[in-house]
C-alpha cells in the first residue's frame, strides 16, 4: 500500500470527472483482460448474429492482430457508429432483461475493444452494400463504403496500444495463443 500523501491534509485533492476516453479505457479493462477474452466476445457476437461459419485469425498471440469473420446477419450501415457506443445493443430492448437468449446483451464488447486497440468493422447485410468503420483508442472514424460478402469482419490490431500498462500483464505469445485456442474450442462445442 502507498504511504499517505503528506500534502493532502493541507490542500485535499479536488474531485473531478474523468473524460469519456479515460472512462472507456477503465471500463474496457473489465471486459477485455487479454486476447482470449477479445476473441470470446467477438465469436459470441458472431454466434448471436446467426453465423454458420466463423473464421478466427490471430497474430502474435492476439496482441498484434485478431480477426473474426462471420457469415451472420451483418450490421446495417447506419448502425455501425452505434455498435461502437457503450450500452448500445441489438440483442435486448431493456424490457426483456429477465428473458435473455443471447451470449451478449450489455453493449460493451465492441466499444471496449475500440477503446484499447485499433478496431475496424466491415459489415454487409443481405441485399445491402458493405460499409466499414474504424476506431482507435476510442477515436471514432467515419463510416465508409467497402467491399465484402454478407456478414461481418471485425479486425482488432495492436491490442492495448492505448493502455500500455495492460501489455505488461500479458503472458508470452505462445501462452496467449493457447488461451485463444481454448476459448475457441469451448465455444465450438
N, C-alpha and C. Protein backbone atom coordinates (compact mmCIF):
# COMPACT_ATOMS: atom_id res chain seq x y z
N UNK A 1 0.84 -1.17 0.00
CA UNK A 1 0.00 0.00 0.00
C UNK A 1 0.89 1.23 0.00
N UNK A 2 0.44 2.27 -0.65
CA UNK A 2 1.21 3.51 -0.74
C UNK A 2 1.12 4.28 0.57
N UNK A 3 2.20 5.02 0.85
CA UNK A 3 2.20 5.89 2.03
C UNK A 3 1.26 7.06 1.77
N UNK A 4 0.59 7.56 2.79
CA UNK A 4 -0.30 8.69 2.59
C UNK A 4 0.47 9.91 2.10
N UNK A 5 -0.17 10.68 1.27
CA UNK A 5 0.43 11.91 0.74
C UNK A 5 0.45 12.95 1.84
N UNK A 6 1.64 13.44 2.24
CA UNK A 6 1.71 14.40 3.35
C UNK A 6 1.06 15.74 3.01
N UNK A 7 0.82 16.01 1.74
CA UNK A 7 0.22 17.28 1.34
C UNK A 7 -1.30 17.27 1.37
N UNK A 8 -1.91 16.11 1.53
CA UNK A 8 -3.36 16.04 1.46
C UNK A 8 -4.02 16.81 2.60
N UNK A 9 -3.44 16.78 3.77
CA UNK A 9 -4.04 17.48 4.90
C UNK A 9 -4.15 18.97 4.68
N UNK A 10 -3.24 19.55 3.92
CA UNK A 10 -3.24 21.00 3.70
C UNK A 10 -4.15 21.40 2.55
N UNK A 11 -4.03 20.73 1.45
CA UNK A 11 -4.84 21.02 0.27
C UNK A 11 -5.36 19.70 -0.29
N UNK A 12 -6.52 19.27 0.15
CA UNK A 12 -7.02 17.98 -0.35
C UNK A 12 -7.21 18.03 -1.87
N UNK A 13 -6.92 16.90 -2.53
CA UNK A 13 -7.09 16.88 -3.98
C UNK A 13 -8.56 17.09 -4.34
N UNK A 14 -8.78 17.78 -5.43
CA UNK A 14 -10.14 18.05 -5.89
C UNK A 14 -10.69 16.82 -6.60
N UNK A 15 -11.95 16.58 -6.42
CA UNK A 15 -12.63 15.51 -7.16
C UNK A 15 -13.00 16.06 -8.52
N UNK A 16 -12.71 15.29 -9.54
CA UNK A 16 -13.02 15.74 -10.89
C UNK A 16 -13.59 14.58 -11.70
N UNK A 17 -14.34 14.92 -12.68
CA UNK A 17 -14.94 13.93 -13.58
C UNK A 17 -13.90 13.49 -14.60
N UNK A 18 -13.75 12.20 -14.78
CA UNK A 18 -12.86 11.69 -15.83
C UNK A 18 -13.47 11.96 -17.19
N UNK A 19 -12.63 12.15 -18.20
CA UNK A 19 -13.17 12.33 -19.54
C UNK A 19 -13.63 10.98 -20.09
N UNK A 20 -14.42 11.04 -21.15
CA UNK A 20 -15.01 9.82 -21.71
C UNK A 20 -13.96 8.80 -22.14
N UNK A 21 -12.86 9.26 -22.71
CA UNK A 21 -11.81 8.33 -23.15
C UNK A 21 -11.25 7.55 -21.98
N UNK A 22 -10.99 8.22 -20.86
CA UNK A 22 -10.46 7.54 -19.67
C UNK A 22 -11.50 6.57 -19.11
N UNK A 23 -12.74 7.00 -19.05
CA UNK A 23 -13.82 6.13 -18.55
C UNK A 23 -13.90 4.87 -19.40
N UNK A 24 -13.88 5.03 -20.71
CA UNK A 24 -14.00 3.88 -21.60
C UNK A 24 -12.81 2.94 -21.48
N UNK A 25 -11.61 3.47 -21.30
CA UNK A 25 -10.43 2.60 -21.15
C UNK A 25 -10.49 1.83 -19.84
N UNK A 26 -10.95 2.47 -18.78
CA UNK A 26 -11.09 1.78 -17.50
C UNK A 26 -12.13 0.68 -17.61
N UNK A 27 -13.28 1.01 -18.18
CA UNK A 27 -14.35 0.02 -18.34
C UNK A 27 -13.91 -1.12 -19.25
N UNK A 28 -13.14 -0.81 -20.27
CA UNK A 28 -12.68 -1.83 -21.21
C UNK A 28 -11.83 -2.88 -20.51
N UNK A 29 -11.08 -2.48 -19.50
CA UNK A 29 -10.25 -3.42 -18.76
C UNK A 29 -11.06 -4.49 -18.05
N UNK A 30 -12.32 -4.20 -17.77
CA UNK A 30 -13.19 -5.19 -17.14
C UNK A 30 -13.74 -6.18 -18.15
N UNK A 31 -13.86 -5.77 -19.40
CA UNK A 31 -14.41 -6.63 -20.45
C UNK A 31 -13.30 -7.39 -21.18
N UNK A 32 -12.20 -6.70 -21.44
CA UNK A 32 -11.10 -7.27 -22.23
C UNK A 32 -9.86 -7.35 -21.36
N UNK A 33 -9.60 -8.54 -20.82
CA UNK A 33 -8.44 -8.73 -19.95
C UNK A 33 -7.22 -9.18 -20.74
N UNK A 34 -7.48 -9.91 -21.83
CA UNK A 34 -6.40 -10.49 -22.62
C UNK A 34 -6.94 -10.84 -24.00
N UNK A 35 -6.10 -11.23 -24.94
CA UNK A 35 -6.59 -11.56 -26.28
C UNK A 35 -7.71 -12.61 -26.28
N UNK A 36 -7.61 -13.61 -25.44
CA UNK A 36 -8.64 -14.65 -25.41
C UNK A 36 -10.01 -14.09 -25.06
N UNK A 37 -10.07 -13.10 -24.18
CA UNK A 37 -11.38 -12.52 -23.85
C UNK A 37 -11.92 -11.71 -25.02
N UNK A 38 -11.04 -11.08 -25.80
CA UNK A 38 -11.48 -10.37 -27.00
C UNK A 38 -12.05 -11.35 -28.02
N UNK A 39 -11.35 -12.47 -28.23
CA UNK A 39 -11.83 -13.49 -29.16
C UNK A 39 -13.17 -14.03 -28.69
N UNK A 40 -13.31 -14.30 -27.41
CA UNK A 40 -14.57 -14.80 -26.87
C UNK A 40 -15.71 -13.85 -27.19
N UNK A 41 -15.53 -12.57 -26.92
CA UNK A 41 -16.58 -11.58 -27.18
C UNK A 41 -16.95 -11.53 -28.66
N UNK A 42 -15.94 -11.55 -29.53
CA UNK A 42 -16.20 -11.44 -30.97
C UNK A 42 -16.86 -12.69 -31.53
N UNK A 43 -16.44 -13.87 -31.09
CA UNK A 43 -17.07 -15.10 -31.56
C UNK A 43 -18.50 -15.19 -31.04
N UNK A 44 -18.73 -14.80 -29.80
CA UNK A 44 -20.10 -14.79 -29.28
C UNK A 44 -20.98 -13.83 -30.06
N UNK A 45 -20.45 -12.67 -30.45
CA UNK A 45 -21.21 -11.75 -31.30
C UNK A 45 -21.59 -12.42 -32.62
N UNK A 46 -20.63 -13.14 -33.21
CA UNK A 46 -20.89 -13.82 -34.48
C UNK A 46 -21.97 -14.89 -34.31
N UNK A 47 -21.91 -15.64 -33.22
CA UNK A 47 -22.94 -16.65 -32.95
C UNK A 47 -24.30 -16.00 -32.75
N UNK A 48 -24.33 -14.89 -32.01
CA UNK A 48 -25.59 -14.17 -31.80
C UNK A 48 -26.15 -13.63 -33.12
N UNK A 49 -25.27 -13.37 -34.10
CA UNK A 49 -25.70 -12.86 -35.41
C UNK A 49 -26.17 -13.99 -36.33
N UNK A 50 -26.21 -15.22 -35.81
CA UNK A 50 -26.69 -16.35 -36.60
C UNK A 50 -25.67 -16.92 -37.56
N UNK A 51 -24.40 -16.66 -37.33
CA UNK A 51 -23.36 -17.15 -38.23
C UNK A 51 -23.31 -18.68 -38.23
N UNK A 52 -23.14 -19.23 -39.42
CA UNK A 52 -22.92 -20.67 -39.55
C UNK A 52 -21.44 -20.97 -39.73
N UNK A 53 -20.71 -19.98 -40.23
CA UNK A 53 -19.26 -20.13 -40.41
C UNK A 53 -18.57 -18.95 -39.75
N UNK A 54 -17.59 -19.26 -38.92
CA UNK A 54 -16.81 -18.23 -38.23
C UNK A 54 -15.34 -18.58 -38.37
N UNK A 55 -14.57 -17.65 -38.90
CA UNK A 55 -13.12 -17.84 -39.03
C UNK A 55 -12.43 -16.90 -38.06
N UNK A 56 -11.43 -17.43 -37.36
CA UNK A 56 -10.66 -16.64 -36.40
C UNK A 56 -9.20 -16.68 -36.82
N UNK A 57 -8.60 -15.52 -37.00
CA UNK A 57 -7.17 -15.41 -37.32
C UNK A 57 -6.51 -14.58 -36.23
N UNK A 58 -5.33 -15.03 -35.79
CA UNK A 58 -4.63 -14.38 -34.69
C UNK A 58 -3.15 -14.28 -35.04
N UNK A 59 -2.52 -13.15 -34.71
CA UNK A 59 -1.08 -12.99 -34.88
C UNK A 59 -0.47 -12.55 -33.56
N UNK A 60 0.68 -13.09 -33.24
CA UNK A 60 1.41 -12.76 -32.01
C UNK A 60 0.55 -12.95 -30.76
N UNK A 61 -0.12 -14.09 -30.72
CA UNK A 61 -0.95 -14.41 -29.56
C UNK A 61 -2.16 -13.51 -29.40
N UNK A 62 -2.49 -12.75 -30.44
CA UNK A 62 -3.62 -11.83 -30.39
C UNK A 62 -3.23 -10.42 -30.02
N UNK A 63 -1.97 -10.22 -29.70
CA UNK A 63 -1.52 -8.87 -29.33
C UNK A 63 -1.46 -7.96 -30.55
N UNK A 64 -1.03 -8.50 -31.68
CA UNK A 64 -0.89 -7.69 -32.89
C UNK A 64 -2.15 -7.71 -33.74
N UNK A 65 -2.82 -8.88 -33.82
CA UNK A 65 -4.00 -9.00 -34.68
C UNK A 65 -4.95 -10.06 -34.17
N UNK A 66 -6.23 -9.72 -34.17
CA UNK A 66 -7.33 -10.68 -34.01
C UNK A 66 -8.33 -10.32 -35.11
N UNK A 67 -8.67 -11.29 -35.94
CA UNK A 67 -9.67 -11.06 -36.98
C UNK A 67 -10.73 -12.16 -36.89
N UNK A 68 -11.97 -11.76 -36.74
CA UNK A 68 -13.09 -12.71 -36.71
C UNK A 68 -13.99 -12.36 -37.89
N UNK A 69 -14.18 -13.35 -38.77
CA UNK A 69 -15.00 -13.20 -39.96
C UNK A 69 -16.19 -14.14 -39.84
N UNK A 70 -17.40 -13.62 -40.08
CA UNK A 70 -18.58 -14.47 -39.98
C UNK A 70 -19.52 -14.24 -41.15
N UNK A 71 -20.45 -15.18 -41.32
CA UNK A 71 -21.48 -15.06 -42.35
C UNK A 71 -22.85 -14.80 -41.72
N UNK A 72 -22.84 -14.11 -40.60
CA UNK A 72 -24.09 -13.80 -39.90
C UNK A 72 -24.90 -12.73 -40.61
N UNK A 73 -25.85 -12.17 -39.89
CA UNK A 73 -26.81 -11.23 -40.49
C UNK A 73 -26.21 -9.89 -40.86
N UNK A 74 -25.04 -9.55 -40.34
CA UNK A 74 -24.40 -8.27 -40.66
C UNK A 74 -24.99 -7.13 -39.83
N UNK A 75 -24.33 -6.00 -39.91
CA UNK A 75 -24.76 -4.79 -39.20
C UNK A 75 -25.14 -3.76 -40.26
N UNK A 76 -26.37 -3.24 -40.22
CA UNK A 76 -26.75 -2.22 -41.20
C UNK A 76 -25.82 -1.01 -41.12
N UNK A 77 -25.50 -0.43 -42.27
CA UNK A 77 -24.57 0.70 -42.33
C UNK A 77 -24.91 1.81 -41.33
N UNK A 78 -26.18 2.24 -41.21
CA UNK A 78 -26.46 3.33 -40.27
C UNK A 78 -26.20 2.96 -38.81
N UNK A 79 -26.17 1.66 -38.51
CA UNK A 79 -25.97 1.21 -37.13
C UNK A 79 -24.50 1.05 -36.74
N UNK A 80 -23.59 1.13 -37.70
CA UNK A 80 -22.17 0.91 -37.38
C UNK A 80 -21.64 1.85 -36.30
N UNK A 81 -21.87 3.17 -36.36
CA UNK A 81 -21.37 4.02 -35.27
C UNK A 81 -22.01 3.66 -33.92
N UNK A 82 -23.28 3.31 -33.94
CA UNK A 82 -23.97 2.96 -32.70
C UNK A 82 -23.41 1.67 -32.11
N UNK A 83 -22.97 0.75 -32.97
CA UNK A 83 -22.38 -0.51 -32.49
C UNK A 83 -21.13 -0.27 -31.67
N UNK A 84 -20.52 0.89 -31.84
CA UNK A 84 -19.30 1.23 -31.11
C UNK A 84 -19.57 2.16 -29.93
N UNK A 85 -20.83 2.34 -29.60
CA UNK A 85 -21.22 3.16 -28.44
C UNK A 85 -21.51 2.24 -27.27
N UNK A 86 -21.07 2.64 -26.09
CA UNK A 86 -21.31 1.82 -24.90
C UNK A 86 -22.81 1.70 -24.64
N UNK A 87 -23.19 0.51 -24.24
CA UNK A 87 -24.56 0.18 -23.86
C UNK A 87 -25.54 0.26 -25.03
N UNK A 88 -25.05 0.12 -26.25
CA UNK A 88 -25.91 0.02 -27.43
C UNK A 88 -25.87 -1.43 -27.89
N UNK A 89 -27.04 -2.03 -28.08
CA UNK A 89 -27.10 -3.45 -28.42
C UNK A 89 -28.32 -3.74 -29.29
N UNK A 90 -28.20 -4.75 -30.12
CA UNK A 90 -29.33 -5.21 -30.92
C UNK A 90 -30.02 -6.40 -30.25
N UNK A 91 -29.53 -6.80 -29.10
CA UNK A 91 -29.96 -8.07 -28.53
C UNK A 91 -31.10 -7.97 -27.52
N UNK A 92 -31.25 -6.83 -26.88
CA UNK A 92 -32.37 -6.62 -25.96
C UNK A 92 -32.84 -5.18 -26.12
N UNK A 93 -34.04 -4.91 -25.59
CA UNK A 93 -34.53 -3.53 -25.64
C UNK A 93 -34.73 -2.94 -24.25
N UNK A 94 -34.32 -3.66 -23.23
CA UNK A 94 -34.44 -3.16 -21.86
C UNK A 94 -35.61 -3.77 -21.12
N UNK A 95 -36.67 -4.13 -21.84
CA UNK A 95 -37.84 -4.72 -21.18
C UNK A 95 -37.70 -6.22 -21.00
N UNK A 96 -36.70 -6.81 -21.63
CA UNK A 96 -36.56 -8.26 -21.60
C UNK A 96 -35.31 -8.73 -20.85
N UNK A 97 -34.90 -7.98 -19.84
CA UNK A 97 -33.70 -8.32 -19.08
C UNK A 97 -33.80 -9.65 -18.34
N UNK A 98 -35.00 -10.11 -18.08
CA UNK A 98 -35.17 -11.38 -17.38
C UNK A 98 -35.35 -12.55 -18.34
N UNK A 99 -35.29 -12.29 -19.64
CA UNK A 99 -35.52 -13.33 -20.64
C UNK A 99 -34.49 -13.20 -21.76
N UNK A 100 -33.23 -13.40 -21.42
CA UNK A 100 -32.14 -13.21 -22.37
C UNK A 100 -31.75 -14.55 -23.00
N UNK A 101 -31.67 -14.56 -24.33
CA UNK A 101 -31.34 -15.79 -25.06
C UNK A 101 -30.12 -15.63 -25.95
N UNK A 102 -29.25 -14.70 -25.61
CA UNK A 102 -28.05 -14.46 -26.40
C UNK A 102 -26.84 -14.51 -25.48
N UNK A 103 -25.66 -14.61 -26.09
CA UNK A 103 -24.43 -14.57 -25.31
C UNK A 103 -24.22 -13.18 -24.73
N UNK A 104 -24.28 -12.20 -25.61
CA UNK A 104 -24.03 -10.82 -25.19
C UNK A 104 -25.30 -10.02 -25.21
N UNK A 105 -25.33 -8.98 -24.39
CA UNK A 105 -26.50 -8.10 -24.39
C UNK A 105 -26.20 -6.75 -23.79
N UNK A 106 -25.01 -6.57 -23.20
CA UNK A 106 -24.71 -5.33 -22.48
C UNK A 106 -24.25 -4.20 -23.38
N UNK A 107 -23.82 -4.51 -24.59
CA UNK A 107 -23.32 -3.48 -25.49
C UNK A 107 -21.97 -2.94 -25.05
N UNK A 108 -21.12 -3.80 -24.53
CA UNK A 108 -19.81 -3.37 -24.02
C UNK A 108 -18.64 -3.85 -24.86
N UNK A 109 -18.77 -4.98 -25.56
CA UNK A 109 -17.61 -5.61 -26.20
C UNK A 109 -16.96 -4.73 -27.26
N UNK A 110 -17.71 -4.32 -28.27
CA UNK A 110 -17.09 -3.56 -29.36
C UNK A 110 -16.54 -2.21 -28.91
N UNK A 111 -17.28 -1.42 -28.12
CA UNK A 111 -16.69 -0.16 -27.66
C UNK A 111 -15.46 -0.38 -26.78
N UNK A 112 -15.46 -1.44 -25.99
CA UNK A 112 -14.29 -1.73 -25.15
C UNK A 112 -13.07 -2.06 -26.00
N UNK A 113 -13.27 -2.87 -27.03
CA UNK A 113 -12.16 -3.21 -27.92
C UNK A 113 -11.65 -1.97 -28.64
N UNK A 114 -12.56 -1.11 -29.05
CA UNK A 114 -12.17 0.12 -29.72
C UNK A 114 -11.48 1.12 -28.81
N UNK A 115 -11.71 0.99 -27.51
CA UNK A 115 -11.08 1.89 -26.54
C UNK A 115 -9.63 1.52 -26.28
N UNK A 116 -9.29 0.23 -26.40
CA UNK A 116 -7.94 -0.22 -26.04
C UNK A 116 -7.10 -0.66 -27.22
N UNK A 117 -7.70 -0.75 -28.40
CA UNK A 117 -6.96 -1.18 -29.58
C UNK A 117 -7.38 -0.39 -30.81
N UNK A 118 -6.94 -0.90 -31.96
CA UNK A 118 -7.33 -0.31 -33.25
C UNK A 118 -8.33 -1.29 -33.88
N UNK A 119 -9.59 -0.89 -33.92
CA UNK A 119 -10.67 -1.77 -34.32
C UNK A 119 -11.27 -1.31 -35.65
N UNK A 120 -11.47 -2.25 -36.55
CA UNK A 120 -12.16 -1.97 -37.81
C UNK A 120 -13.27 -3.00 -37.99
N UNK A 121 -14.44 -2.52 -38.35
CA UNK A 121 -15.59 -3.40 -38.60
C UNK A 121 -16.04 -3.17 -40.03
N UNK A 122 -16.07 -4.24 -40.80
CA UNK A 122 -16.62 -4.22 -42.15
C UNK A 122 -17.82 -5.14 -42.14
N UNK A 123 -18.98 -4.63 -42.56
CA UNK A 123 -20.18 -5.44 -42.46
C UNK A 123 -21.10 -5.20 -43.64
N UNK A 124 -21.88 -6.22 -43.94
CA UNK A 124 -22.86 -6.12 -45.02
C UNK A 124 -24.06 -6.98 -44.67
N UNK A 125 -25.24 -6.39 -44.75
CA UNK A 125 -26.47 -7.17 -44.58
C UNK A 125 -26.86 -7.73 -45.94
N UNK A 126 -27.63 -8.81 -45.95
CA UNK A 126 -28.07 -9.41 -47.21
C UNK A 126 -28.83 -8.37 -48.03
N UNK A 127 -28.48 -8.25 -49.29
CA UNK A 127 -29.14 -7.30 -50.17
C UNK A 127 -28.66 -5.86 -50.03
N UNK A 128 -27.71 -5.63 -49.14
CA UNK A 128 -27.20 -4.27 -48.92
C UNK A 128 -25.78 -4.11 -49.42
N UNK A 129 -25.25 -2.94 -49.20
CA UNK A 129 -23.87 -2.64 -49.55
C UNK A 129 -22.99 -2.76 -48.30
N UNK A 130 -21.76 -3.16 -48.49
CA UNK A 130 -20.83 -3.26 -47.36
C UNK A 130 -20.36 -1.87 -46.95
N UNK A 131 -20.08 -1.74 -45.66
CA UNK A 131 -19.56 -0.48 -45.11
C UNK A 131 -18.53 -0.82 -44.05
N UNK A 132 -17.67 0.15 -43.77
CA UNK A 132 -16.57 -0.06 -42.81
C UNK A 132 -16.48 1.15 -41.89
N UNK A 133 -16.16 0.87 -40.63
CA UNK A 133 -15.91 1.92 -39.65
C UNK A 133 -14.68 1.52 -38.85
N UNK A 134 -13.91 2.51 -38.44
CA UNK A 134 -12.71 2.25 -37.65
C UNK A 134 -12.74 3.10 -36.39
N UNK A 135 -12.15 2.56 -35.33
CA UNK A 135 -11.98 3.30 -34.09
C UNK A 135 -10.63 2.90 -33.52
N UNK A 136 -9.88 3.88 -33.03
CA UNK A 136 -8.56 3.61 -32.46
C UNK A 136 -8.43 4.37 -31.16
N UNK A 137 -8.23 3.64 -30.09
CA UNK A 137 -8.09 4.29 -28.79
C UNK A 137 -9.29 5.13 -28.42
N UNK A 138 -10.47 4.72 -28.87
CA UNK A 138 -11.70 5.44 -28.56
C UNK A 138 -12.06 6.53 -29.55
N UNK A 139 -11.21 6.79 -30.52
CA UNK A 139 -11.48 7.83 -31.54
C UNK A 139 -12.18 7.20 -32.73
N UNK A 140 -13.42 7.59 -32.92
CA UNK A 140 -14.28 7.00 -33.94
C UNK A 140 -14.08 7.69 -35.29
N UNK A 141 -13.91 6.87 -36.33
CA UNK A 141 -13.81 7.40 -37.69
C UNK A 141 -15.17 7.41 -38.35
N UNK A 142 -15.21 7.84 -39.58
CA UNK A 142 -16.45 7.90 -40.35
C UNK A 142 -16.76 6.55 -40.98
N UNK A 143 -18.03 6.31 -41.24
CA UNK A 143 -18.45 5.12 -41.98
C UNK A 143 -18.10 5.35 -43.45
N UNK A 144 -17.48 4.33 -44.05
CA UNK A 144 -17.07 4.45 -45.45
C UNK A 144 -17.56 3.23 -46.24
N UNK A 145 -17.79 3.40 -47.52
CA UNK A 145 -18.15 2.24 -48.35
C UNK A 145 -17.01 1.23 -48.34
N UNK A 146 -17.36 -0.04 -48.50
CA UNK A 146 -16.35 -1.10 -48.50
C UNK A 146 -16.81 -2.22 -49.42
N UNK A 147 -15.97 -3.19 -49.60
CA UNK A 147 -16.33 -4.40 -50.33
C UNK A 147 -16.42 -5.53 -49.33
N UNK A 148 -17.34 -6.43 -49.55
CA UNK A 148 -17.43 -7.56 -48.64
C UNK A 148 -18.67 -8.40 -48.89
N UNK A 149 -18.60 -9.62 -48.42
CA UNK A 149 -19.72 -10.54 -48.50
C UNK A 149 -20.69 -10.26 -47.36
N UNK A 150 -21.92 -10.78 -47.44
CA UNK A 150 -22.82 -10.63 -46.29
C UNK A 150 -22.19 -11.23 -45.04
N UNK A 151 -22.33 -10.53 -43.95
CA UNK A 151 -21.71 -10.92 -42.68
C UNK A 151 -20.83 -9.80 -42.18
N UNK A 152 -19.94 -10.14 -41.28
CA UNK A 152 -19.13 -9.12 -40.62
C UNK A 152 -17.69 -9.59 -40.46
N UNK A 153 -16.77 -8.66 -40.65
CA UNK A 153 -15.35 -8.89 -40.35
C UNK A 153 -14.97 -7.87 -39.29
N UNK A 154 -14.52 -8.36 -38.15
CA UNK A 154 -14.03 -7.48 -37.08
C UNK A 154 -12.54 -7.73 -36.97
N UNK A 155 -11.79 -6.67 -37.13
CA UNK A 155 -10.33 -6.77 -37.10
C UNK A 155 -9.82 -5.88 -35.97
N UNK A 156 -9.14 -6.49 -35.02
CA UNK A 156 -8.56 -5.77 -33.88
C UNK A 156 -7.05 -5.85 -33.99
N UNK A 157 -6.42 -4.69 -34.10
CA UNK A 157 -4.96 -4.63 -34.19
C UNK A 157 -4.41 -3.91 -32.96
N UNK A 158 -3.20 -4.27 -32.61
CA UNK A 158 -2.47 -3.58 -31.54
C UNK A 158 -3.28 -3.49 -30.24
N UNK A 159 -3.72 -4.65 -29.78
CA UNK A 159 -4.48 -4.71 -28.53
C UNK A 159 -3.70 -4.06 -27.40
N UNK A 160 -4.34 -3.21 -26.68
CA UNK A 160 -3.81 -2.47 -25.52
C UNK A 160 -2.79 -1.40 -25.90
N UNK A 161 -2.74 -0.98 -27.18
CA UNK A 161 -1.82 0.12 -27.51
C UNK A 161 -2.21 1.39 -26.75
N UNK A 162 -3.49 1.55 -26.47
CA UNK A 162 -3.97 2.75 -25.79
C UNK A 162 -3.83 2.64 -24.27
N UNK A 163 -3.55 1.45 -23.78
CA UNK A 163 -3.35 1.22 -22.35
C UNK A 163 -2.11 0.35 -22.17
N UNK A 164 -0.93 0.91 -22.39
CA UNK A 164 0.30 0.10 -22.40
C UNK A 164 0.56 -0.65 -21.10
N UNK A 165 0.06 -0.16 -19.99
CA UNK A 165 0.26 -0.87 -18.72
C UNK A 165 -0.37 -2.26 -18.77
N UNK A 166 -1.45 -2.41 -19.54
CA UNK A 166 -2.10 -3.72 -19.66
C UNK A 166 -1.21 -4.73 -20.36
N UNK A 167 -0.38 -4.28 -21.28
CA UNK A 167 0.50 -5.19 -22.01
C UNK A 167 1.45 -5.93 -21.07
N UNK A 168 1.85 -5.28 -20.00
CA UNK A 168 2.79 -5.89 -19.05
C UNK A 168 2.21 -7.14 -18.39
N UNK A 169 0.89 -7.22 -18.33
CA UNK A 169 0.25 -8.34 -17.64
C UNK A 169 -0.03 -9.52 -18.56
N UNK A 170 0.22 -9.34 -19.86
CA UNK A 170 0.00 -10.44 -20.79
C UNK A 170 1.16 -11.42 -20.71
N UNK A 171 0.84 -12.68 -21.02
CA UNK A 171 1.86 -13.71 -21.00
C UNK A 171 2.55 -13.77 -22.36
N UNK A 172 3.34 -14.79 -22.58
CA UNK A 172 4.04 -14.94 -23.85
C UNK A 172 3.04 -15.12 -24.98
N UNK A 173 3.48 -14.86 -26.21
CA UNK A 173 2.60 -15.05 -27.36
C UNK A 173 2.06 -16.48 -27.40
N UNK A 174 2.92 -17.43 -27.08
CA UNK A 174 2.50 -18.83 -27.10
C UNK A 174 1.42 -19.11 -26.06
N UNK A 175 1.59 -18.59 -24.86
CA UNK A 175 0.59 -18.79 -23.80
C UNK A 175 -0.73 -18.10 -24.16
N UNK A 176 -0.64 -16.89 -24.72
CA UNK A 176 -1.86 -16.19 -25.11
C UNK A 176 -2.56 -16.93 -26.25
N UNK A 177 -1.79 -17.49 -27.18
CA UNK A 177 -2.38 -18.25 -28.29
C UNK A 177 -3.07 -19.50 -27.77
N UNK A 178 -2.48 -20.15 -26.77
CA UNK A 178 -3.11 -21.33 -26.19
C UNK A 178 -4.44 -20.96 -25.53
N UNK A 179 -4.47 -19.81 -24.86
CA UNK A 179 -5.72 -19.35 -24.23
C UNK A 179 -6.78 -19.05 -25.29
N UNK A 180 -6.37 -18.46 -26.42
CA UNK A 180 -7.30 -18.20 -27.52
C UNK A 180 -7.84 -19.51 -28.07
N UNK A 181 -6.95 -20.48 -28.28
CA UNK A 181 -7.36 -21.79 -28.79
C UNK A 181 -8.35 -22.45 -27.86
N UNK A 182 -8.11 -22.38 -26.56
CA UNK A 182 -9.02 -22.97 -25.57
C UNK A 182 -10.40 -22.33 -25.64
N UNK A 183 -10.45 -21.01 -25.77
CA UNK A 183 -11.73 -20.30 -25.85
C UNK A 183 -12.50 -20.73 -27.10
N UNK A 184 -11.81 -20.79 -28.23
CA UNK A 184 -12.48 -21.16 -29.48
C UNK A 184 -13.00 -22.59 -29.39
N UNK A 185 -12.23 -23.49 -28.82
CA UNK A 185 -12.68 -24.88 -28.67
C UNK A 185 -13.92 -24.97 -27.80
N UNK A 186 -13.93 -24.22 -26.68
CA UNK A 186 -15.11 -24.23 -25.80
C UNK A 186 -16.35 -23.71 -26.53
N UNK A 187 -16.19 -22.64 -27.28
CA UNK A 187 -17.34 -22.07 -27.98
C UNK A 187 -17.80 -22.95 -29.14
N UNK A 188 -16.89 -23.75 -29.70
CA UNK A 188 -17.25 -24.62 -30.82
C UNK A 188 -18.08 -25.82 -30.38
N UNK A 189 -18.05 -26.13 -29.11
CA UNK A 189 -18.77 -27.31 -28.62
C UNK A 189 -20.25 -27.07 -28.52
